[in-house]
PDB file of all heavy atoms in Angstrom:
ATOM      1  N   SER A   1      22.775   1.445 -22.233  1.00  0.00           N
ATOM      2  CA  SER A   1      21.731   1.259 -21.223  1.00  0.00           C
ATOM      3  C   SER A   1      20.451   0.739 -21.857  1.00  0.00           C
ATOM      4  O   SER A   1      19.723  -0.045 -21.260  1.00  0.00           O
ATOM      5  CB  SER A   1      21.471   2.554 -20.464  1.00  0.00           C
ATOM      6  OG  SER A   1      20.892   3.518 -21.302  1.00  0.00           O
ATOM      7  N   SER A   2      20.167   1.153 -23.090  1.00  0.00           N
ATOM      8  CA  SER A   2      18.975   0.654 -23.777  1.00  0.00           C
ATOM      9  C   SER A   2      19.110  -0.831 -24.091  1.00  0.00           C
ATOM     10  O   SER A   2      18.169  -1.601 -23.951  1.00  0.00           O
ATOM     11  CB  SER A   2      18.751   1.428 -25.079  1.00  0.00           C
ATOM     12  OG  SER A   2      18.496   2.773 -24.811  1.00  0.00           O
ATOM     13  N   ILE A   3      20.284  -1.220 -24.510  1.00  0.00           N
ATOM     14  CA  ILE A   3      20.515  -2.632 -24.842  1.00  0.00           C
ATOM     15  C   ILE A   3      20.423  -3.500 -23.591  1.00  0.00           C
ATOM     16  O   ILE A   3      19.823  -4.572 -23.606  1.00  0.00           O
ATOM     17  CB  ILE A   3      21.899  -2.810 -25.516  1.00  0.00           C
ATOM     18  CG1 ILE A   3      21.883  -2.159 -26.904  1.00  0.00           C
ATOM     19  CG2 ILE A   3      22.272  -4.280 -25.614  1.00  0.00           C
ATOM     20  CD1 ILE A   3      23.246  -2.055 -27.547  1.00  0.00           C
ATOM     21  N   LEU A   4      20.984  -3.045 -22.516  1.00  0.00           N
ATOM     22  CA  LEU A   4      20.996  -3.826 -21.283  1.00  0.00           C
ATOM     23  C   LEU A   4      19.718  -3.681 -20.466  1.00  0.00           C
ATOM     24  O   LEU A   4      19.538  -4.367 -19.473  1.00  0.00           O
ATOM     25  CB  LEU A   4      22.193  -3.419 -20.419  1.00  0.00           C
ATOM     26  CG  LEU A   4      23.567  -3.698 -21.023  1.00  0.00           C
ATOM     27  CD1 LEU A   4      24.658  -3.159 -20.115  1.00  0.00           C
ATOM     28  CD2 LEU A   4      23.751  -5.190 -21.259  1.00  0.00           C
ATOM     29  N   GLY A   5      18.849  -2.799 -20.879  1.00  0.00           N
ATOM     30  CA  GLY A   5      17.595  -2.611 -20.151  1.00  0.00           C
ATOM     31  C   GLY A   5      17.763  -1.823 -18.874  1.00  0.00           C
ATOM     32  O   GLY A   5      16.956  -1.935 -17.958  1.00  0.00           O
ATOM     33  N   ILE A   6      18.810  -1.066 -18.783  1.00  0.00           N
ATOM     34  CA  ILE A   6      19.062  -0.268 -17.593  1.00  0.00           C
ATOM     35  C   ILE A   6      18.351   1.066 -17.740  1.00  0.00           C
ATOM     36  O   ILE A   6      18.478   1.729 -18.754  1.00  0.00           O
ATOM     37  CB  ILE A   6      20.572  -0.025 -17.388  1.00  0.00           C
ATOM     38  CG1 ILE A   6      21.304  -1.356 -17.260  1.00  0.00           C
ATOM     39  CG2 ILE A   6      20.820   0.866 -16.183  1.00  0.00           C
ATOM     40  CD1 ILE A   6      22.805  -1.220 -17.306  1.00  0.00           C
ATOM     41  N   THR A   7      17.606   1.409 -16.759  1.00  0.00           N
ATOM     42  CA  THR A   7      16.963   2.721 -16.782  1.00  0.00           C
ATOM     43  C   THR A   7      17.328   3.454 -15.517  1.00  0.00           C
ATOM     44  O   THR A   7      17.512   2.861 -14.459  1.00  0.00           O
ATOM     45  CB  THR A   7      15.421   2.596 -16.867  1.00  0.00           C
ATOM     46  OG1 THR A   7      14.974   1.845 -15.757  1.00  0.00           O
ATOM     47  CG2 THR A   7      14.998   1.947 -18.159  1.00  0.00           C
ATOM     48  N   PHE A   8      17.434   4.741 -15.650  1.00  0.00           N
ATOM     49  CA  PHE A   8      17.743   5.576 -14.505  1.00  0.00           C
ATOM     50  C   PHE A   8      16.483   6.359 -14.175  1.00  0.00           C
ATOM     51  O   PHE A   8      16.190   7.365 -14.800  1.00  0.00           O
ATOM     52  CB  PHE A   8      18.902   6.526 -14.847  1.00  0.00           C
ATOM     53  CG  PHE A   8      20.148   5.793 -15.256  1.00  0.00           C
ATOM     54  CD1 PHE A   8      20.492   5.669 -16.586  1.00  0.00           C
ATOM     55  CD2 PHE A   8      20.949   5.198 -14.302  1.00  0.00           C
ATOM     56  CE1 PHE A   8      21.629   4.980 -16.958  1.00  0.00           C
ATOM     57  CE2 PHE A   8      22.089   4.514 -14.665  1.00  0.00           C
ATOM     58  CZ  PHE A   8      22.432   4.398 -16.000  1.00  0.00           C
ATOM     59  N   ARG A   9      15.737   5.854 -13.222  1.00  0.00           N
ATOM     60  CA  ARG A   9      14.478   6.499 -12.864  1.00  0.00           C
ATOM     61  C   ARG A   9      14.585   7.080 -11.472  1.00  0.00           C
ATOM     62  O   ARG A   9      15.091   6.440 -10.563  1.00  0.00           O
ATOM     63  CB  ARG A   9      13.332   5.494 -12.891  1.00  0.00           C
ATOM     64  CG  ARG A   9      12.955   5.037 -14.271  1.00  0.00           C
ATOM     65  CD  ARG A   9      11.736   4.182 -14.210  1.00  0.00           C
ATOM     66  NE  ARG A   9      12.107   2.890 -13.631  1.00  0.00           N
ATOM     67  CZ  ARG A   9      11.246   1.966 -13.284  1.00  0.00           C
ATOM     68  NH1 ARG A   9       9.979   2.155 -13.437  1.00  0.00           N
ATOM     69  NH2 ARG A   9      11.659   0.829 -12.777  1.00  0.00           N
ATOM     70  N   ALA A  10      14.052   8.250 -11.356  1.00  0.00           N
ATOM     71  CA  ALA A  10      13.948   8.843 -10.025  1.00  0.00           C
ATOM     72  C   ALA A  10      12.661   8.333  -9.396  1.00  0.00           C
ATOM     73  O   ALA A  10      11.626   8.261 -10.043  1.00  0.00           O
ATOM     74  CB  ALA A  10      13.917  10.355 -10.121  1.00  0.00           C
ATOM     75  N   SER A  11      12.741   7.964  -8.166  1.00  0.00           N
ATOM     76  CA  SER A  11      11.575   7.435  -7.482  1.00  0.00           C
ATOM     77  C   SER A  11      11.389   8.181  -6.170  1.00  0.00           C
ATOM     78  O   SER A  11      12.299   8.263  -5.363  1.00  0.00           O
ATOM     79  CB  SER A  11      11.777   5.942  -7.202  1.00  0.00           C
ATOM     80  OG  SER A  11      10.783   5.465  -6.349  1.00  0.00           O
ATOM     81  N   ALA A  12      10.221   8.711  -6.005  1.00  0.00           N
ATOM     82  CA  ALA A  12       9.914   9.408  -4.752  1.00  0.00           C
ATOM     83  C   ALA A  12       8.622   8.833  -4.203  1.00  0.00           C
ATOM     84  O   ALA A  12       7.589   8.881  -4.849  1.00  0.00           O
ATOM     85  CB  ALA A  12       9.774  10.896  -4.994  1.00  0.00           C
ATOM     86  N   GLU A  13       8.720   8.242  -3.041  1.00  0.00           N
ATOM     87  CA  GLU A  13       7.525   7.691  -2.422  1.00  0.00           C
ATOM     88  C   GLU A  13       6.730   8.819  -1.787  1.00  0.00           C
ATOM     89  O   GLU A  13       7.294   9.756  -1.240  1.00  0.00           O
ATOM     90  CB  GLU A  13       7.891   6.681  -1.347  1.00  0.00           C
ATOM     91  CG  GLU A  13       8.482   5.423  -1.888  1.00  0.00           C
ATOM     92  CD  GLU A  13       8.807   4.451  -0.777  1.00  0.00           C
ATOM     93  OE1 GLU A  13       8.918   4.875   0.382  1.00  0.00           O
ATOM     94  OE2 GLU A  13       8.950   3.272  -1.090  1.00  0.00           O
ATOM     95  N   GLN A  14       5.440   8.678  -1.859  1.00  0.00           N
ATOM     96  CA  GLN A  14       4.582   9.663  -1.227  1.00  0.00           C
ATOM     97  C   GLN A  14       3.967   9.018   0.011  1.00  0.00           C
ATOM     98  O   GLN A  14       2.893   8.444  -0.043  1.00  0.00           O
ATOM     99  CB  GLN A  14       3.510  10.143  -2.195  1.00  0.00           C
ATOM    100  CG  GLN A  14       2.766  11.333  -1.674  1.00  0.00           C
ATOM    101  CD  GLN A  14       1.816  11.895  -2.714  1.00  0.00           C
ATOM    102  OE1 GLN A  14       1.700  11.388  -3.814  1.00  0.00           O
ATOM    103  NE2 GLN A  14       1.128  12.939  -2.337  1.00  0.00           N
ATOM    104  N   LEU A  15       4.696   9.105   1.113  1.00  0.00           N
ATOM    105  CA  LEU A  15       4.225   8.584   2.388  1.00  0.00           C
ATOM    106  C   LEU A  15       3.581   9.724   3.157  1.00  0.00           C
ATOM    107  O   LEU A  15       4.163  10.793   3.308  1.00  0.00           O
ATOM    108  CB  LEU A  15       5.376   8.001   3.200  1.00  0.00           C
ATOM    109  CG  LEU A  15       6.048   6.760   2.628  1.00  0.00           C
ATOM    110  CD1 LEU A  15       7.261   6.389   3.455  1.00  0.00           C
ATOM    111  CD2 LEU A  15       5.070   5.610   2.580  1.00  0.00           C
ATOM    112  N   VAL A  16       2.381   9.488   3.647  1.00  0.00           N
ATOM    113  CA  VAL A  16       1.639  10.506   4.377  1.00  0.00           C
ATOM    114  C   VAL A  16       1.411  10.012   5.800  1.00  0.00           C
ATOM    115  O   VAL A  16       0.994   8.868   6.007  1.00  0.00           O
ATOM    116  CB  VAL A  16       0.284  10.778   3.687  1.00  0.00           C
ATOM    117  CG1 VAL A  16      -0.576  11.700   4.520  1.00  0.00           C
ATOM    118  CG2 VAL A  16       0.494  11.342   2.307  1.00  0.00           C
ATOM    119  N   THR A  17       1.695  10.868   6.758  1.00  0.00           N
ATOM    120  CA  THR A  17       1.423  10.516   8.151  1.00  0.00           C
ATOM    121  C   THR A  17      -0.088  10.453   8.343  1.00  0.00           C
ATOM    122  O   THR A  17      -0.799  11.408   8.070  1.00  0.00           O
ATOM    123  CB  THR A  17       2.044  11.552   9.110  1.00  0.00           C
ATOM    124  OG1 THR A  17       3.453  11.522   8.955  1.00  0.00           O
ATOM    125  CG2 THR A  17       1.681  11.236  10.548  1.00  0.00           C
ATOM    126  N   ALA A  18      -0.558   9.300   8.792  1.00  0.00           N
ATOM    127  CA  ALA A  18      -1.998   9.078   8.936  1.00  0.00           C
ATOM    128  C   ALA A  18      -2.445   9.114  10.387  1.00  0.00           C
ATOM    129  O   ALA A  18      -3.550   9.554  10.689  1.00  0.00           O
ATOM    130  CB  ALA A  18      -2.380   7.737   8.315  1.00  0.00           C
ATOM    131  N   ALA A  19      -1.604   8.642  11.278  1.00  0.00           N
ATOM    132  CA  ALA A  19      -1.984   8.578  12.692  1.00  0.00           C
ATOM    133  C   ALA A  19      -0.728   8.495  13.542  1.00  0.00           C
ATOM    134  O   ALA A  19       0.301   7.991  13.106  1.00  0.00           O
ATOM    135  CB  ALA A  19      -2.877   7.369  12.952  1.00  0.00           C
ATOM    136  N   ILE A  20      -0.855   8.993  14.757  1.00  0.00           N
ATOM    137  CA  ILE A  20       0.257   8.941  15.703  1.00  0.00           C
ATOM    138  C   ILE A  20      -0.246   8.306  16.997  1.00  0.00           C
ATOM    139  O   ILE A  20      -1.202   8.789  17.605  1.00  0.00           O
ATOM    140  CB  ILE A  20       0.821  10.346  15.984  1.00  0.00           C
ATOM    141  CG1 ILE A  20       1.338  10.977  14.684  1.00  0.00           C
ATOM    142  CG2 ILE A  20       1.923  10.278  17.036  1.00  0.00           C
ATOM    143  CD1 ILE A  20       1.759  12.420  14.822  1.00  0.00           C
ATOM    144  N   ASP A  21       0.407   7.221  17.371  1.00  0.00           N
ATOM    145  CA  ASP A  21       0.120   6.558  18.643  1.00  0.00           C
ATOM    146  C   ASP A  21       1.075   7.163  19.670  1.00  0.00           C
ATOM    147  O   ASP A  21       2.232   6.756  19.770  1.00  0.00           O
ATOM    148  CB  ASP A  21       0.336   5.051  18.499  1.00  0.00           C
ATOM    149  CG  ASP A  21       0.081   4.289  19.781  1.00  0.00           C
ATOM    150  OD1 ASP A  21      -0.092   4.914  20.846  1.00  0.00           O
ATOM    151  OD2 ASP A  21       0.069   3.044  19.720  1.00  0.00           O
ATOM    152  N   THR A  22       0.595   8.156  20.404  1.00  0.00           N
ATOM    153  CA  THR A  22       1.466   8.881  21.334  1.00  0.00           C
ATOM    154  C   THR A  22       1.902   8.013  22.512  1.00  0.00           C
ATOM    155  O   THR A  22       2.986   8.211  23.047  1.00  0.00           O
ATOM    156  CB  THR A  22       0.777  10.158  21.849  1.00  0.00           C
ATOM    157  OG1 THR A  22      -0.490   9.822  22.396  1.00  0.00           O
ATOM    158  CG2 THR A  22       0.602  11.166  20.739  1.00  0.00           C
ATOM    159  N   ASP A  23       1.071   7.041  22.896  1.00  0.00           N
ATOM    160  CA  ASP A  23       1.439   6.168  24.016  1.00  0.00           C
ATOM    161  C   ASP A  23       2.676   5.328  23.698  1.00  0.00           C
ATOM    162  O   ASP A  23       3.531   5.119  24.546  1.00  0.00           O
ATOM    163  CB  ASP A  23       0.276   5.248  24.392  1.00  0.00           C
ATOM    164  CG  ASP A  23      -0.910   6.013  24.952  1.00  0.00           C
ATOM    165  OD1 ASP A  23      -0.716   7.155  25.425  1.00  0.00           O
ATOM    166  OD2 ASP A  23      -2.033   5.477  24.907  1.00  0.00           O
ATOM    167  N   ASN A  24       2.733   4.812  22.474  1.00  0.00           N
ATOM    168  CA  ASN A  24       3.837   3.935  22.069  1.00  0.00           C
ATOM    169  C   ASN A  24       4.831   4.623  21.148  1.00  0.00           C
ATOM    170  O   ASN A  24       5.751   3.978  20.645  1.00  0.00           O
ATOM    171  CB  ASN A  24       3.282   2.676  21.397  1.00  0.00           C
ATOM    172  CG  ASN A  24       2.430   1.876  22.351  1.00  0.00           C
ATOM    173  OD1 ASN A  24       2.859   1.554  23.457  1.00  0.00           O
ATOM    174  ND2 ASN A  24       1.214   1.566  21.945  1.00  0.00           N
ATOM    175  N   GLU A  25       4.624   5.907  20.883  1.00  0.00           N
ATOM    176  CA  GLU A  25       5.489   6.708  20.015  1.00  0.00           C
ATOM    177  C   GLU A  25       5.655   6.074  18.636  1.00  0.00           C
ATOM    178  O   GLU A  25       6.768   5.934  18.117  1.00  0.00           O
ATOM    179  CB  GLU A  25       6.842   6.941  20.676  1.00  0.00           C
ATOM    180  CG  GLU A  25       6.740   7.715  21.978  1.00  0.00           C
ATOM    181  CD  GLU A  25       8.079   7.966  22.648  1.00  0.00           C
ATOM    182  OE1 GLU A  25       9.119   7.523  22.125  1.00  0.00           O
ATOM    183  OE2 GLU A  25       8.081   8.594  23.711  1.00  0.00           O
ATOM    184  N   ILE A  26       4.528   5.696  18.038  1.00  0.00           N
ATOM    185  CA  ILE A  26       4.518   5.098  16.706  1.00  0.00           C
ATOM    186  C   ILE A  26       3.810   6.050  15.754  1.00  0.00           C
ATOM    187  O   ILE A  26       2.718   6.523  16.043  1.00  0.00           O
ATOM    188  CB  ILE A  26       3.805   3.732  16.706  1.00  0.00           C
ATOM    189  CG1 ILE A  26       4.525   2.765  17.640  1.00  0.00           C
ATOM    190  CG2 ILE A  26       3.716   3.172  15.299  1.00  0.00           C
ATOM    191  CD1 ILE A  26       3.779   1.460  17.856  1.00  0.00           C
ATOM    192  N   ILE A  27       4.442   6.312  14.611  1.00  0.00           N
ATOM    193  CA  ILE A  27       3.851   7.155  13.575  1.00  0.00           C
ATOM    194  C   ILE A  27       3.507   6.248  12.399  1.00  0.00           C
ATOM    195  O   ILE A  27       4.390   5.655  11.775  1.00  0.00           O
ATOM    196  CB  ILE A  27       4.821   8.269  13.146  1.00  0.00           C
ATOM    197  CG1 ILE A  27       5.143   9.159  14.346  1.00  0.00           C
ATOM    198  CG2 ILE A  27       4.236   9.078  11.990  1.00  0.00           C
ATOM    199  CD1 ILE A  27       6.233  10.172  14.084  1.00  0.00           C
ATOM    200  N   TYR A  28       2.214   6.135  12.096  1.00  0.00           N
ATOM    201  CA  TYR A  28       1.740   5.307  10.992  1.00  0.00           C
ATOM    202  C   TYR A  28       1.695   6.138   9.719  1.00  0.00           C
ATOM    203  O   TYR A  28       1.213   7.269   9.724  1.00  0.00           O
ATOM    204  CB  TYR A  28       0.348   4.757  11.289  1.00  0.00           C
ATOM    205  CG  TYR A  28       0.339   3.756  12.415  1.00  0.00           C
ATOM    206  CD1 TYR A  28       0.039   4.147  13.714  1.00  0.00           C
ATOM    207  CD2 TYR A  28       0.634   2.420  12.185  1.00  0.00           C
ATOM    208  CE1 TYR A  28       0.033   3.237  14.756  1.00  0.00           C
ATOM    209  CE2 TYR A  28       0.627   1.502  13.221  1.00  0.00           C
ATOM    210  CZ  TYR A  28       0.324   1.911  14.502  1.00  0.00           C
ATOM    211  OH  TYR A  28       0.319   1.008  15.523  1.00  0.00           O
ATOM    212  N   GLN A  29       2.198   5.549   8.626  1.00  0.00           N
ATOM    213  CA  GLN A  29       2.228   6.240   7.347  1.00  0.00           C
ATOM    214  C   GLN A  29       1.558   5.393   6.271  1.00  0.00           C
ATOM    215  O   GLN A  29       1.729   4.182   6.219  1.00  0.00           O
ATOM    216  CB  GLN A  29       3.667   6.534   6.924  1.00  0.00           C
ATOM    217  CG  GLN A  29       4.384   7.472   7.875  1.00  0.00           C
ATOM    218  CD  GLN A  29       5.813   7.709   7.476  1.00  0.00           C
ATOM    219  OE1 GLN A  29       6.541   6.774   7.192  1.00  0.00           O
ATOM    220  NE2 GLN A  29       6.201   8.969   7.457  1.00  0.00           N
ATOM    221  N   VAL A  30       0.813   6.079   5.387  1.00  0.00           N
ATOM    222  CA  VAL A  30       0.147   5.437   4.259  1.00  0.00           C
ATOM    223  C   VAL A  30       0.920   5.782   2.998  1.00  0.00           C
ATOM    224  O   VAL A  30       1.253   6.939   2.757  1.00  0.00           O
ATOM    225  CB  VAL A  30      -1.319   5.917   4.142  1.00  0.00           C
ATOM    226  CG1 VAL A  30      -1.952   5.426   2.867  1.00  0.00           C
ATOM    227  CG2 VAL A  30      -2.123   5.457   5.353  1.00  0.00           C
ATOM    228  N   ASP A  31       1.208   4.763   2.196  1.00  0.00           N
ATOM    229  CA  ASP A  31       1.885   4.961   0.909  1.00  0.00           C
ATOM    230  C   ASP A  31       0.820   5.275  -0.142  1.00  0.00           C
ATOM    231  O   ASP A  31       0.031   4.411  -0.514  1.00  0.00           O
ATOM    232  CB  ASP A  31       2.651   3.693   0.534  1.00  0.00           C
ATOM    233  CG  ASP A  31       3.390   3.818  -0.784  1.00  0.00           C
ATOM    234  OD1 ASP A  31       3.314   4.889  -1.423  1.00  0.00           O
ATOM    235  OD2 ASP A  31       4.037   2.842  -1.179  1.00  0.00           O
ATOM    236  N   LEU A  32       0.780   6.516  -0.597  1.00  0.00           N
ATOM    237  CA  LEU A  32      -0.241   6.935  -1.558  1.00  0.00           C
ATOM    238  C   LEU A  32       0.101   6.544  -2.989  1.00  0.00           C
ATOM    239  O   LEU A  32      -0.748   6.637  -3.875  1.00  0.00           O
ATOM    240  CB  LEU A  32      -0.451   8.449  -1.478  1.00  0.00           C
ATOM    241  CG  LEU A  32      -1.001   8.965  -0.154  1.00  0.00           C
ATOM    242  CD1 LEU A  32      -1.199  10.472  -0.222  1.00  0.00           C
ATOM    243  CD2 LEU A  32      -2.309   8.285   0.204  1.00  0.00           C
ATOM    244  N   ASP A  33       1.323   6.094  -3.237  1.00  0.00           N
ATOM    245  CA  ASP A  33       1.718   5.707  -4.592  1.00  0.00           C
ATOM    246  C   ASP A  33       1.152   4.356  -4.998  1.00  0.00           C
ATOM    247  O   ASP A  33       1.004   4.083  -6.185  1.00  0.00           O
ATOM    248  CB  ASP A  33       3.245   5.651  -4.707  1.00  0.00           C
ATOM    249  CG  ASP A  33       3.888   7.010  -4.589  1.00  0.00           C
ATOM    250  OD1 ASP A  33       3.223   8.001  -4.947  1.00  0.00           O
ATOM    251  OD2 ASP A  33       5.032   7.090  -4.132  1.00  0.00           O
ATOM    252  N   ASN A  34       0.873   3.520  -4.054  1.00  0.00           N
ATOM    253  CA  ASN A  34       0.454   2.146  -4.354  1.00  0.00           C
ATOM    254  C   ASN A  34      -0.918   1.845  -3.781  1.00  0.00           C
ATOM    255  O   ASN A  34      -1.085   0.938  -2.982  1.00  0.00           O
ATOM    256  CB  ASN A  34       1.485   1.162  -3.799  1.00  0.00           C
ATOM    257  CG  ASN A  34       2.815   1.292  -4.487  1.00  0.00           C
ATOM    258  OD1 ASN A  34       2.887   1.203  -5.703  1.00  0.00           O
ATOM    259  ND2 ASN A  34       3.863   1.541  -3.725  1.00  0.00           N
ATOM    260  N   ARG A  35      -1.904   2.611  -4.196  1.00  0.00           N
ATOM    261  CA  ARG A  35      -3.280   2.386  -3.741  1.00  0.00           C
ATOM    262  C   ARG A  35      -4.110   1.874  -4.910  1.00  0.00           C
ATOM    263  O   ARG A  35      -3.896   2.265  -6.041  1.00  0.00           O
ATOM    264  CB  ARG A  35      -3.906   3.703  -3.262  1.00  0.00           C
ATOM    265  CG  ARG A  35      -3.288   4.263  -2.017  1.00  0.00           C
ATOM    266  CD  ARG A  35      -3.824   5.662  -1.701  1.00  0.00           C
ATOM    267  NE  ARG A  35      -5.268   5.700  -1.592  1.00  0.00           N
ATOM    268  CZ  ARG A  35      -6.065   6.479  -2.323  1.00  0.00           C
ATOM    269  NH1 ARG A  35      -5.577   7.277  -3.219  1.00  0.00           N
ATOM    270  NH2 ARG A  35      -7.362   6.465  -2.154  1.00  0.00           N
ATOM    271  N   SER A  36      -5.045   1.018  -4.614  1.00  0.00           N
ATOM    272  CA  SER A  36      -6.016   0.604  -5.626  1.00  0.00           C
ATOM    273  C   SER A  36      -7.368   0.448  -4.945  1.00  0.00           C
ATOM    274  O   SER A  36      -7.446   0.152  -3.765  1.00  0.00           O
ATOM    275  CB  SER A  36      -5.594  -0.696  -6.304  1.00  0.00           C
ATOM    276  OG  SER A  36      -5.535  -1.745  -5.363  1.00  0.00           O
TER     277      SER A  36
END
């Protein structure tokens, strides 16, 4: 795996519910892992 560049990484996104549009039943989520 080192020679081939293969890595086994666990990835967990941190999505946070930011707002809920109850009229249209839409739940908006912000990805906290990719902020700058």
